[in-house]
């Protein structure tokens, strides 16, 4: 599963903020960040990169003063 859920985002977080964060952390992503109020989704190239993103960013990086959460995205029907 390569799609990531990024949570605990401030309402002013933009796709560019997330792109910069991933690029600074040297974590590749494919496609665009889908940003909603308080959360976002993005795809990683493969499972290894998805796990590295979770390990490197979740609960460890602040964006606009809030610690972000990063985890695998789970479709609604599987929750």
N, C-alpha and C. Protein backbone atom coordinates (compact mmCIF):
# COMPACT_ATOMS: atom_id res chain seq x y z
N UNK A 1 0.85 -1.18 0.00
CA UNK A 1 0.00 0.00 0.00
C UNK A 1 0.89 1.24 0.00
N UNK A 2 0.78 2.01 -1.06
CA UNK A 2 1.68 3.15 -1.23
C UNK A 2 1.02 4.50 -0.95
N UNK A 3 -0.30 4.52 -0.78
CA UNK A 3 -0.99 5.79 -0.53
C UNK A 3 -0.88 6.14 0.95
N UNK A 4 -0.51 7.39 1.21
CA UNK A 4 -0.35 7.86 2.58
C UNK A 4 -1.43 8.85 2.96
N UNK A 5 -1.83 8.78 4.22
CA UNK A 5 -2.71 9.75 4.84
C UNK A 5 -1.82 10.65 5.69
N UNK A 6 -1.97 11.96 5.55
CA UNK A 6 -1.20 12.92 6.33
C UNK A 6 -2.21 13.71 7.14
N UNK A 7 -2.17 13.57 8.46
CA UNK A 7 -3.17 14.19 9.31
C UNK A 7 -2.60 15.23 10.25
N UNK A 8 -3.52 15.85 10.99
CA UNK A 8 -3.21 16.90 11.96
C UNK A 8 -2.59 18.12 11.27
N UNK A 9 -3.13 18.45 10.10
CA UNK A 9 -2.64 19.61 9.36
C UNK A 9 -3.42 20.85 9.74
N UNK A 10 -2.73 21.98 9.81
CA UNK A 10 -3.41 23.25 10.03
C UNK A 10 -4.23 23.61 8.81
N UNK A 11 -5.21 24.46 9.00
CA UNK A 11 -6.10 24.80 7.89
C UNK A 11 -5.42 25.60 6.78
N UNK A 12 -4.26 26.16 7.05
CA UNK A 12 -3.55 26.95 6.04
C UNK A 12 -2.49 26.16 5.27
N UNK A 13 -2.37 24.87 5.53
CA UNK A 13 -1.36 24.05 4.85
C UNK A 13 -1.76 23.88 3.38
N UNK A 14 -0.79 24.10 2.50
CA UNK A 14 -1.04 23.99 1.06
C UNK A 14 -0.28 22.80 0.48
N UNK A 15 -0.65 22.38 -0.72
CA UNK A 15 0.11 21.32 -1.38
C UNK A 15 1.60 21.67 -1.50
N UNK A 16 1.92 22.94 -1.73
CA UNK A 16 3.32 23.35 -1.84
C UNK A 16 4.07 23.14 -0.53
N UNK A 17 3.41 23.39 0.61
CA UNK A 17 4.04 23.14 1.91
C UNK A 17 4.43 21.67 2.05
N UNK A 18 3.51 20.79 1.66
CA UNK A 18 3.78 19.35 1.77
C UNK A 18 4.84 18.90 0.78
N UNK A 19 4.80 19.43 -0.44
CA UNK A 19 5.84 19.10 -1.43
C UNK A 19 7.21 19.48 -0.90
N UNK A 20 7.31 20.67 -0.33
CA UNK A 20 8.59 21.13 0.23
C UNK A 20 9.06 20.22 1.35
N UNK A 21 8.14 19.85 2.23
CA UNK A 21 8.47 18.98 3.36
C UNK A 21 9.01 17.64 2.87
N UNK A 22 8.34 17.02 1.91
CA UNK A 22 8.78 15.73 1.39
C UNK A 22 10.11 15.86 0.66
N UNK A 23 10.29 16.94 -0.10
CA UNK A 23 11.56 17.13 -0.81
C UNK A 23 12.70 17.36 0.16
N UNK A 24 12.47 18.15 1.22
CA UNK A 24 13.51 18.39 2.23
C UNK A 24 13.89 17.09 2.94
N UNK A 25 12.91 16.21 3.11
CA UNK A 25 13.15 14.93 3.77
C UNK A 25 13.66 13.86 2.81
N UNK A 26 13.80 14.25 1.54
CA UNK A 26 14.28 13.34 0.49
C UNK A 26 13.39 12.11 0.33
N UNK A 27 12.09 12.33 0.46
CA UNK A 27 11.12 11.26 0.27
C UNK A 27 10.37 11.52 -1.03
N UNK A 28 10.51 10.65 -2.01
CA UNK A 28 9.83 10.86 -3.29
C UNK A 28 8.33 10.60 -3.17
N UNK A 29 7.57 11.28 -4.02
CA UNK A 29 6.14 11.07 -4.09
C UNK A 29 5.73 11.10 -5.55
N UNK A 30 4.62 10.47 -5.84
CA UNK A 30 4.13 10.45 -7.21
C UNK A 30 2.80 11.18 -7.27
N UNK A 31 2.61 11.96 -8.28
CA UNK A 31 1.37 12.70 -8.42
C UNK A 31 1.33 13.92 -7.53
N UNK A 32 0.13 14.38 -7.28
CA UNK A 32 -0.10 15.60 -6.52
C UNK A 32 -0.58 15.27 -5.11
N UNK A 33 -0.41 16.22 -4.21
CA UNK A 33 -0.98 16.10 -2.87
C UNK A 33 -2.44 16.52 -2.94
N UNK A 34 -3.31 15.67 -2.43
CA UNK A 34 -4.73 15.99 -2.34
C UNK A 34 -4.97 16.51 -0.94
N UNK A 35 -5.14 17.83 -0.81
CA UNK A 35 -5.24 18.46 0.50
C UNK A 35 -6.68 18.85 0.80
N UNK A 36 -7.16 18.40 1.95
CA UNK A 36 -8.47 18.78 2.47
C UNK A 36 -8.23 19.54 3.77
N UNK A 37 -9.26 20.02 4.41
CA UNK A 37 -9.09 20.74 5.67
C UNK A 37 -8.65 19.77 6.76
N UNK A 38 -7.41 19.91 7.20
CA UNK A 38 -6.90 19.11 8.31
C UNK A 38 -6.17 17.84 7.92
N UNK A 39 -6.25 17.44 6.65
CA UNK A 39 -5.57 16.22 6.23
C UNK A 39 -5.27 16.26 4.74
N UNK A 40 -4.45 15.28 4.30
CA UNK A 40 -4.08 15.20 2.89
C UNK A 40 -3.74 13.76 2.55
N UNK A 41 -3.65 13.50 1.25
CA UNK A 41 -3.25 12.19 0.74
C UNK A 41 -2.17 12.38 -0.31
N UNK A 42 -1.27 11.39 -0.39
CA UNK A 42 -0.26 11.39 -1.44
C UNK A 42 0.18 9.95 -1.69
N UNK A 43 0.65 9.70 -2.89
CA UNK A 43 1.18 8.37 -3.23
C UNK A 43 2.70 8.39 -3.19
N UNK A 44 3.27 7.30 -2.69
CA UNK A 44 4.72 7.10 -2.75
C UNK A 44 5.01 6.09 -3.86
N UNK A 45 6.23 6.09 -4.40
CA UNK A 45 6.56 5.19 -5.51
C UNK A 45 6.39 3.70 -5.17
N UNK A 46 6.68 3.33 -3.91
CA UNK A 46 6.55 1.92 -3.52
C UNK A 46 6.40 1.83 -2.00
N UNK A 47 6.19 0.62 -1.53
CA UNK A 47 5.95 0.38 -0.10
C UNK A 47 7.15 0.80 0.76
N UNK A 48 8.37 0.59 0.27
CA UNK A 48 9.55 0.97 1.05
C UNK A 48 9.58 2.47 1.32
N UNK A 49 9.28 3.27 0.30
CA UNK A 49 9.27 4.73 0.48
C UNK A 49 8.12 5.16 1.38
N UNK A 50 6.99 4.47 1.28
CA UNK A 50 5.86 4.79 2.16
C UNK A 50 6.25 4.57 3.62
N UNK A 51 6.90 3.44 3.90
CA UNK A 51 7.33 3.16 5.27
C UNK A 51 8.38 4.16 5.75
N UNK A 52 9.30 4.55 4.87
CA UNK A 52 10.31 5.55 5.25
C UNK A 52 9.66 6.89 5.58
N UNK A 53 8.65 7.26 4.81
CA UNK A 53 7.94 8.52 5.08
C UNK A 53 7.26 8.47 6.45
N UNK A 54 6.61 7.36 6.75
CA UNK A 54 5.94 7.21 8.04
C UNK A 54 6.96 7.30 9.18
N UNK A 55 8.05 6.56 9.04
CA UNK A 55 9.08 6.55 10.09
C UNK A 55 9.75 7.91 10.28
N UNK A 56 9.99 8.61 9.17
CA UNK A 56 10.73 9.87 9.24
C UNK A 56 9.87 11.07 9.66
N UNK A 57 8.58 11.03 9.33
CA UNK A 57 7.76 12.23 9.51
C UNK A 57 6.71 12.14 10.60
N UNK A 58 6.09 11.01 10.79
CA UNK A 58 4.94 10.91 11.69
C UNK A 58 5.31 11.21 13.14
N UNK A 59 4.70 12.27 13.67
CA UNK A 59 4.94 12.66 15.05
C UNK A 59 6.29 13.29 15.31
N UNK A 60 7.06 13.54 14.24
CA UNK A 60 8.42 14.07 14.40
C UNK A 60 8.63 15.41 13.72
N UNK A 61 7.71 15.80 12.85
CA UNK A 61 7.89 17.02 12.06
C UNK A 61 6.71 17.96 12.27
N UNK A 62 7.02 19.23 12.49
CA UNK A 62 5.98 20.24 12.64
C UNK A 62 5.78 20.97 11.33
N UNK A 63 4.52 21.26 11.04
CA UNK A 63 4.18 22.05 9.87
C UNK A 63 3.16 23.09 10.34
N UNK A 64 3.52 24.35 10.25
CA UNK A 64 2.68 25.45 10.74
C UNK A 64 2.33 25.25 12.22
N UNK A 65 3.31 24.79 13.00
CA UNK A 65 3.15 24.68 14.44
C UNK A 65 2.44 23.44 14.95
N UNK A 66 2.14 22.49 14.05
CA UNK A 66 1.46 21.26 14.49
C UNK A 66 2.27 20.05 14.05
N UNK A 67 2.41 19.07 14.96
CA UNK A 67 3.07 17.82 14.60
C UNK A 67 2.17 17.03 13.65
N UNK A 68 2.71 16.67 12.51
CA UNK A 68 1.90 15.94 11.54
C UNK A 68 1.89 14.45 11.84
N UNK A 69 0.85 13.77 11.39
CA UNK A 69 0.73 12.33 11.49
C UNK A 69 0.79 11.78 10.07
N UNK A 70 1.55 10.73 9.87
CA UNK A 70 1.63 10.10 8.55
C UNK A 70 1.41 8.61 8.75
N UNK A 71 0.48 8.05 7.98
CA UNK A 71 0.20 6.62 8.07
C UNK A 71 -0.35 6.13 6.74
N UNK A 72 -0.46 4.82 6.61
CA UNK A 72 -1.05 4.26 5.40
C UNK A 72 -2.51 4.70 5.31
N UNK A 73 -2.93 5.04 4.13
CA UNK A 73 -4.33 5.39 3.90
C UNK A 73 -5.14 4.10 3.79
N UNK A 74 -6.25 4.05 4.51
CA UNK A 74 -7.12 2.88 4.47
C UNK A 74 -8.47 3.32 3.88
N UNK A 75 -8.89 2.68 2.79
CA UNK A 75 -10.19 3.05 2.19
C UNK A 75 -11.31 2.91 3.22
N UNK A 76 -12.32 3.77 3.11
CA UNK A 76 -13.44 3.77 4.06
C UNK A 76 -14.06 2.39 4.23
N UNK A 77 -14.24 1.67 3.17
CA UNK A 77 -14.92 0.36 3.26
C UNK A 77 -14.10 -0.68 4.01
N UNK A 78 -12.80 -0.42 4.24
CA UNK A 78 -11.95 -1.37 4.95
C UNK A 78 -11.72 -1.01 6.41
N UNK A 79 -12.23 0.14 6.83
CA UNK A 79 -12.04 0.58 8.23
C UNK A 79 -12.95 -0.15 9.15
